[in-house]
Amino acid sequence: MTGGQATSEQTPGDKMGTFELPSVTANAGEEPSIGELIGAAPDSLQIKDVIVGTGATANAGSTLEVHYALMSYSNSVLVESSWRSNQTATFALSGVIPGWQEGIPGMKEGGRRLLIVPPALGYRDIGNGPIAPNETLVFVVDLIKVS
C-alpha cells in the first residue's frame, strides 16, 4: 500500500507524460470526488488508502458490502456510482475482477481505497457494458461491512 502520491515515468511513445495518482476526497460516507487523471494509464495495479478503516479486515474469502464509484481512465467519465443509486453492493471477493481480488484484501471496514486497475486485471480486451475493451478502470471503494 502506498499512503502518498505515486508516480511512474512515461514510457517512450506515451503522449500524456508522467502518471500521478488522482486526488480523492476523504469525506467518509459521502460520494467521493476524483481529481484530474494525469499521465498515461499505469500498466500495474495502483492502490492508495484514502481513509484507513478500523473495523474487520477483508481477505480473499470475504463477502463485502461496499459503496463504489467507477471511472474510465481514458476519458475520465464516471461509469457507475453506488452512491448515486443510493444502494450498496454486496458480493464475494472471489467473484469479482482480479484487480479487486488483489487490491481489496487488507482493507478494513470504514476505509476508502483508490484502485487503478489495468485492463489485464479488469475486463481485458472484452469490455463490459459501457466499459470499452482494454480500458483502465479507476475505482474508489468504501468498505462498509466484511463477513
C-alpha atoms as a PDB file:
ATOM      1  CA  MET A   1       0.000   0.000   0.000  1.00  0.00           C
ATOM      2  CA  THR A   2       1.131   3.469  -0.612  1.00  0.00           C
ATOM      3  CA  GLY A   3      -0.007   6.349   1.501  1.00  0.00           C
ATOM      4  CA  GLY A   4       1.338   9.111  -0.711  1.00  0.00           C
ATOM      5  CA  GLN A   5       1.393  10.223  -4.304  1.00  0.00           C
ATOM      6  CA  ALA A   6       2.863   7.590  -6.607  1.00  0.00           C
ATOM      7  CA  THR A   7       4.425   8.474  -9.910  1.00  0.00           C
ATOM      8  CA  SER A   8       5.979   6.439 -12.655  1.00  0.00           C
ATOM      9  CA  GLU A   9       7.916   7.695 -15.617  1.00  0.00           C
ATOM     10  CA  GLN A  10       6.407   7.832 -19.052  1.00  0.00           C
ATOM     11  CA  THR A  11       7.382   5.105 -21.476  1.00  0.00           C
ATOM     12  CA  PRO A  12       8.512   6.082 -24.979  1.00  0.00           C
ATOM     13  CA  GLY A  13       5.522   6.811 -27.173  1.00  0.00           C
ATOM     14  CA  ASP A  14       3.200   7.779 -24.306  1.00  0.00           C
ATOM     15  CA  LYS A  15       1.501  11.044 -25.120  1.00  0.00           C
ATOM     16  CA  MET A  16       0.360  12.164 -21.706  1.00  0.00           C
ATOM     17  CA  GLY A  17       3.501  12.317 -19.575  1.00  0.00           C
ATOM     18  CA  THR A  18       4.182  11.165 -16.037  1.00  0.00           C
ATOM     19  CA  PHE A  19       1.436   9.238 -14.247  1.00  0.00           C
ATOM     20  CA  GLU A  20       0.143  10.629 -10.952  1.00  0.00           C
ATOM     21  CA  LEU A  21      -2.470   9.148  -8.653  1.00  0.00           C
ATOM     22  CA  PRO A  22      -5.550  11.382  -8.682  1.00  0.00           C
ATOM     23  CA  SER A  23      -6.743  13.087  -5.533  1.00  0.00           C
ATOM     24  CA  VAL A  24      -9.808  11.596  -3.846  1.00  0.00           C
ATOM     25  CA  THR A  25     -11.911  13.328  -1.214  1.00  0.00           C
ATOM     26  CA  ALA A  26     -11.869  11.783   2.256  1.00  0.00           C
ATOM     27  CA  ASN A  27     -15.481  12.585   3.181  1.00  0.00           C
ATOM     28  CA  ALA A  28     -16.478   9.311   4.828  1.00  0.00           C
ATOM     29  CA  GLY A  29     -19.994   8.183   3.985  1.00  0.00           C
ATOM     30  CA  GLU A  30     -20.364  10.623   1.078  1.00  0.00           C
ATOM     31  CA  GLU A  31     -19.772  10.132  -2.630  1.00  0.00           C
ATOM     32  CA  PRO A  32     -16.110  10.811  -3.380  1.00  0.00           C
ATOM     33  CA  SER A  33     -14.811  13.352  -5.810  1.00  0.00           C
ATOM     34  CA  ILE A  34     -11.973  12.092  -8.006  1.00  0.00           C
ATOM     35  CA  GLY A  35      -9.377  14.605  -9.151  1.00  0.00           C
ATOM     36  CA  GLU A  36      -7.841  15.012 -12.583  1.00  0.00           C
ATOM     37  CA  LEU A  37      -6.227  11.970 -14.177  1.00  0.00           C
ATOM     38  CA  ILE A  38      -2.700  12.968 -15.187  1.00  0.00           C
ATOM     39  CA  GLY A  39      -0.385  10.991 -17.438  1.00  0.00           C
ATOM     40  CA  ALA A  40      -0.622   7.730 -19.298  1.00  0.00           C
ATOM     41  CA  ALA A  41      -2.575   4.959 -17.610  1.00  0.00           C
ATOM     42  CA  PRO A  42      -0.332   2.715 -15.495  1.00  0.00           C
ATOM     43  CA  ASP A  43       0.383  -0.876 -16.528  1.00  0.00           C
ATOM     44  CA  SER A  44       0.192  -2.220 -12.976  1.00  0.00           C
ATOM     45  CA  LEU A  45      -2.400  -2.125 -10.207  1.00  0.00           C
ATOM     46  CA  GLN A  46      -2.185   1.100  -8.179  1.00  0.00           C
ATOM     47  CA  ILE A  47      -3.539   1.163  -4.622  1.00  0.00           C
ATOM     48  CA  LYS A  48      -3.889   4.068  -2.213  1.00  0.00           C
ATOM     49  CA  ASP A  49      -5.734   4.194   1.082  1.00  0.00           C
ATOM     50  CA  VAL A  50      -7.613   7.488   1.283  1.00  0.00           C
ATOM     51  CA  ILE A  51      -9.201   6.633   4.657  1.00  0.00           C
ATOM     52  CA  VAL A  52      -7.756   3.815   6.742  1.00  0.00           C
ATOM     53  CA  GLY A  53     -10.573   1.836   8.312  1.00  0.00           C
ATOM     54  CA  THR A  54     -10.597   0.459  11.830  1.00  0.00           C
ATOM     55  CA  GLY A  55     -13.048  -2.457  11.538  1.00  0.00           C
ATOM     56  CA  ALA A  56     -12.824  -6.032  10.317  1.00  0.00           C
ATOM     57  CA  THR A  57     -10.236  -6.777   7.629  1.00  0.00           C
ATOM     58  CA  ALA A  58     -11.149  -8.063   4.163  1.00  0.00           C
ATOM     59  CA  ASN A  59      -9.435 -11.209   2.925  1.00  0.00           C
ATOM     60  CA  ALA A  60      -9.686 -13.351  -0.199  1.00  0.00           C
ATOM     61  CA  GLY A  61     -12.599 -15.380   1.208  1.00  0.00           C
ATOM     62  CA  SER A  62     -14.644 -12.414   2.440  1.00  0.00           C
ATOM     63  CA  THR A  63     -18.067 -11.278   1.367  1.00  0.00           C
ATOM     64  CA  LEU A  64     -18.129  -7.493   1.217  1.00  0.00           C
ATOM     65  CA  GLU A  65     -20.676  -4.714   1.344  1.00  0.00           C
ATOM     66  CA  VAL A  66     -19.284  -1.633  -0.377  1.00  0.00           C
ATOM     67  CA  HIS A  67     -20.070   1.706  -1.892  1.00  0.00           C
ATOM     68  CA  TYR A  68     -18.025   2.364  -5.010  1.00  0.00           C
ATOM     69  CA  ALA A  69     -17.510   4.743  -7.890  1.00  0.00           C
ATOM     70  CA  LEU A  70     -16.076   3.612 -11.238  1.00  0.00           C
ATOM     71  CA  MET A  71     -14.467   5.939 -13.753  1.00  0.00           C
ATOM     72  CA  SER A  72     -12.879   5.064 -17.089  1.00  0.00           C
ATOM     73  CA  TYR A  73      -9.297   6.280 -17.273  1.00  0.00           C
ATOM     74  CA  SER A  74      -9.246   7.071 -20.999  1.00  0.00           C
ATOM     75  CA  ASN A  75     -11.942   9.738 -20.861  1.00  0.00           C
ATOM     76  CA  SER A  76     -12.467  10.470 -17.133  1.00  0.00           C
ATOM     77  CA  VAL A  77     -16.161   9.561 -17.406  1.00  0.00           C
ATOM     78  CA  LEU A  78     -17.968   8.287 -14.310  1.00  0.00           C
ATOM     79  CA  VAL A  79     -19.419   4.943 -15.412  1.00  0.00           C
ATOM     80  CA  GLU A  80     -21.149   3.830 -12.201  1.00  0.00           C
ATOM     81  CA  SER A  81     -21.683   5.079  -8.683  1.00  0.00           C
ATOM     82  CA  SER A  82     -23.474   3.157  -5.949  1.00  0.00           C
ATOM     83  CA  TRP A  83     -23.844   6.466  -4.104  1.00  0.00           C
ATOM     84  CA  ARG A  84     -25.918   7.853  -6.974  1.00  0.00           C
ATOM     85  CA  SER A  85     -28.190   4.810  -6.947  1.00  0.00           C
ATOM     86  CA  ASN A  86     -28.239   5.028  -3.126  1.00  0.00           C
ATOM     87  CA  GLN A  87     -27.630   1.286  -2.924  1.00  0.00           C
ATOM     88  CA  THR A  88     -24.558  -0.549  -1.677  1.00  0.00           C
ATOM     89  CA  ALA A  89     -23.227  -3.638  -3.464  1.00  0.00           C
ATOM     90  CA  THR A  90     -22.663  -6.982  -1.721  1.00  0.00           C
ATOM     91  CA  PHE A  91     -20.542  -9.737  -3.249  1.00  0.00           C
ATOM     92  CA  ALA A  92     -17.955 -12.421  -2.589  1.00  0.00           C
ATOM     93  CA  LEU A  93     -14.494 -11.005  -3.248  1.00  0.00           C
ATOM     94  CA  SER A  94     -13.620 -14.236  -5.058  1.00  0.00           C
ATOM     95  CA  GLY A  95     -16.277 -13.457  -7.694  1.00  0.00           C
ATOM     96  CA  VAL A  96     -15.095 -10.054  -8.931  1.00  0.00           C
ATOM     97  CA  ILE A  97     -12.380  -8.789 -11.282  1.00  0.00           C
ATOM     98  CA  PRO A  98      -8.763  -9.674 -10.454  1.00  0.00           C
ATOM     99  CA  GLY A  99      -7.952  -6.024  -9.713  1.00  0.00           C
ATOM    100  CA  TRP A 100     -10.352  -6.123  -6.766  1.00  0.00           C
ATOM    101  CA  GLN A 101      -9.177  -9.593  -5.701  1.00  0.00           C
ATOM    102  CA  GLU A 102      -5.626  -8.212  -5.474  1.00  0.00           C
ATOM    103  CA  GLY A 103      -6.438  -4.669  -4.348  1.00  0.00           C
ATOM    104  CA  ILE A 104      -9.039  -5.131  -1.599  1.00  0.00           C
ATOM    105  CA  PRO A 105      -7.527  -7.730   0.796  1.00  0.00           C
ATOM    106  CA  GLY A 106      -6.114  -5.986   3.851  1.00  0.00           C
ATOM    107  CA  MET A 107      -8.645  -3.156   3.620  1.00  0.00           C
ATOM    108  CA  LYS A 108     -10.635  -2.576   6.822  1.00  0.00           C
ATOM    109  CA  GLU A 109     -14.272  -1.682   7.400  1.00  0.00           C
ATOM    110  CA  GLY A 110     -14.698   2.073   7.390  1.00  0.00           C
ATOM    111  CA  GLY A 111     -11.872   2.513   4.886  1.00  0.00           C
ATOM    112  CA  ARG A 112     -11.821   4.217   1.496  1.00  0.00           C
ATOM    113  CA  ARG A 113      -9.405   2.936  -1.132  1.00  0.00           C
ATOM    114  CA  LEU A 114      -8.437   4.125  -4.589  1.00  0.00           C
ATOM    115  CA  LEU A 115      -7.719   1.353  -7.106  1.00  0.00           C
ATOM    116  CA  ILE A 116      -6.440   1.980 -10.609  1.00  0.00           C
ATOM    117  CA  VAL A 117      -6.891  -1.294 -12.445  1.00  0.00           C
ATOM    118  CA  PRO A 118      -5.100  -2.000 -15.732  1.00  0.00           C
ATOM    119  CA  PRO A 119      -7.012  -3.919 -18.425  1.00  0.00           C
ATOM    120  CA  ALA A 120      -5.200  -7.191 -17.641  1.00  0.00           C
ATOM    121  CA  LEU A 121      -6.764  -7.133 -14.136  1.00  0.00           C
ATOM    122  CA  GLY A 122     -10.109  -5.712 -15.278  1.00  0.00           C
ATOM    123  CA  TYR A 123     -12.223  -6.579 -18.311  1.00  0.00           C
ATOM    124  CA  ARG A 124      -9.250  -7.167 -20.647  1.00  0.00           C
ATOM    125  CA  ASP A 125      -9.946  -6.881 -24.371  1.00  0.00           C
ATOM    126  CA  ILE A 126     -13.617  -7.800 -23.938  1.00  0.00           C
ATOM    127  CA  GLY A 127     -15.009  -4.790 -22.077  1.00  0.00           C
ATOM    128  CA  ASN A 128     -18.269  -4.893 -20.133  1.00  0.00           C
ATOM    129  CA  GLY A 129     -21.340  -2.807 -20.983  1.00  0.00           C
ATOM    130  CA  PRO A 130     -20.272   0.856 -21.053  1.00  0.00           C
ATOM    131  CA  ILE A 131     -16.653  -0.107 -20.338  1.00  0.00           C
ATOM    132  CA  ALA A 132     -14.625  -0.262 -23.539  1.00  0.00           C
ATOM    133  CA  PRO A 133     -12.221  -3.117 -24.297  1.00  0.00           C
ATOM    134  CA  ASN A 134      -8.710  -2.568 -22.886  1.00  0.00           C
ATOM    135  CA  GLU A 135      -9.930   0.184 -20.536  1.00  0.00           C
ATOM    136  CA  THR A 136      -8.038   1.093 -17.382  1.00  0.00           C
ATOM    137  CA  LEU A 137     -10.508   1.388 -14.503  1.00  0.00           C
ATOM    138  CA  VAL A 138     -10.463   3.890 -11.646  1.00  0.00           C
ATOM    139  CA  PHE A 139     -12.378   2.735  -8.562  1.00  0.00           C
ATOM    140  CA  VAL A 140     -12.967   4.427  -5.251  1.00  0.00           C
ATOM    141  CA  VAL A 141     -14.249   1.845  -2.775  1.00  0.00           C
ATOM    142  CA  ASP A 142     -15.698   2.437   0.693  1.00  0.00           C
ATOM    143  CA  LEU A 143     -15.743  -0.800   2.683  1.00  0.00           C
ATOM    144  CA  ILE A 144     -18.962  -0.887   4.713  1.00  0.00           C
ATOM    145  CA  LYS A 145     -19.024  -4.469   6.022  1.00  0.00           C
ATOM    146  CA  VAL A 146     -16.895  -7.620   5.905  1.00  0.00           C
ATOM    147  CA  SER A 147     -18.443 -11.038   6.516  1.00  0.00           C
END
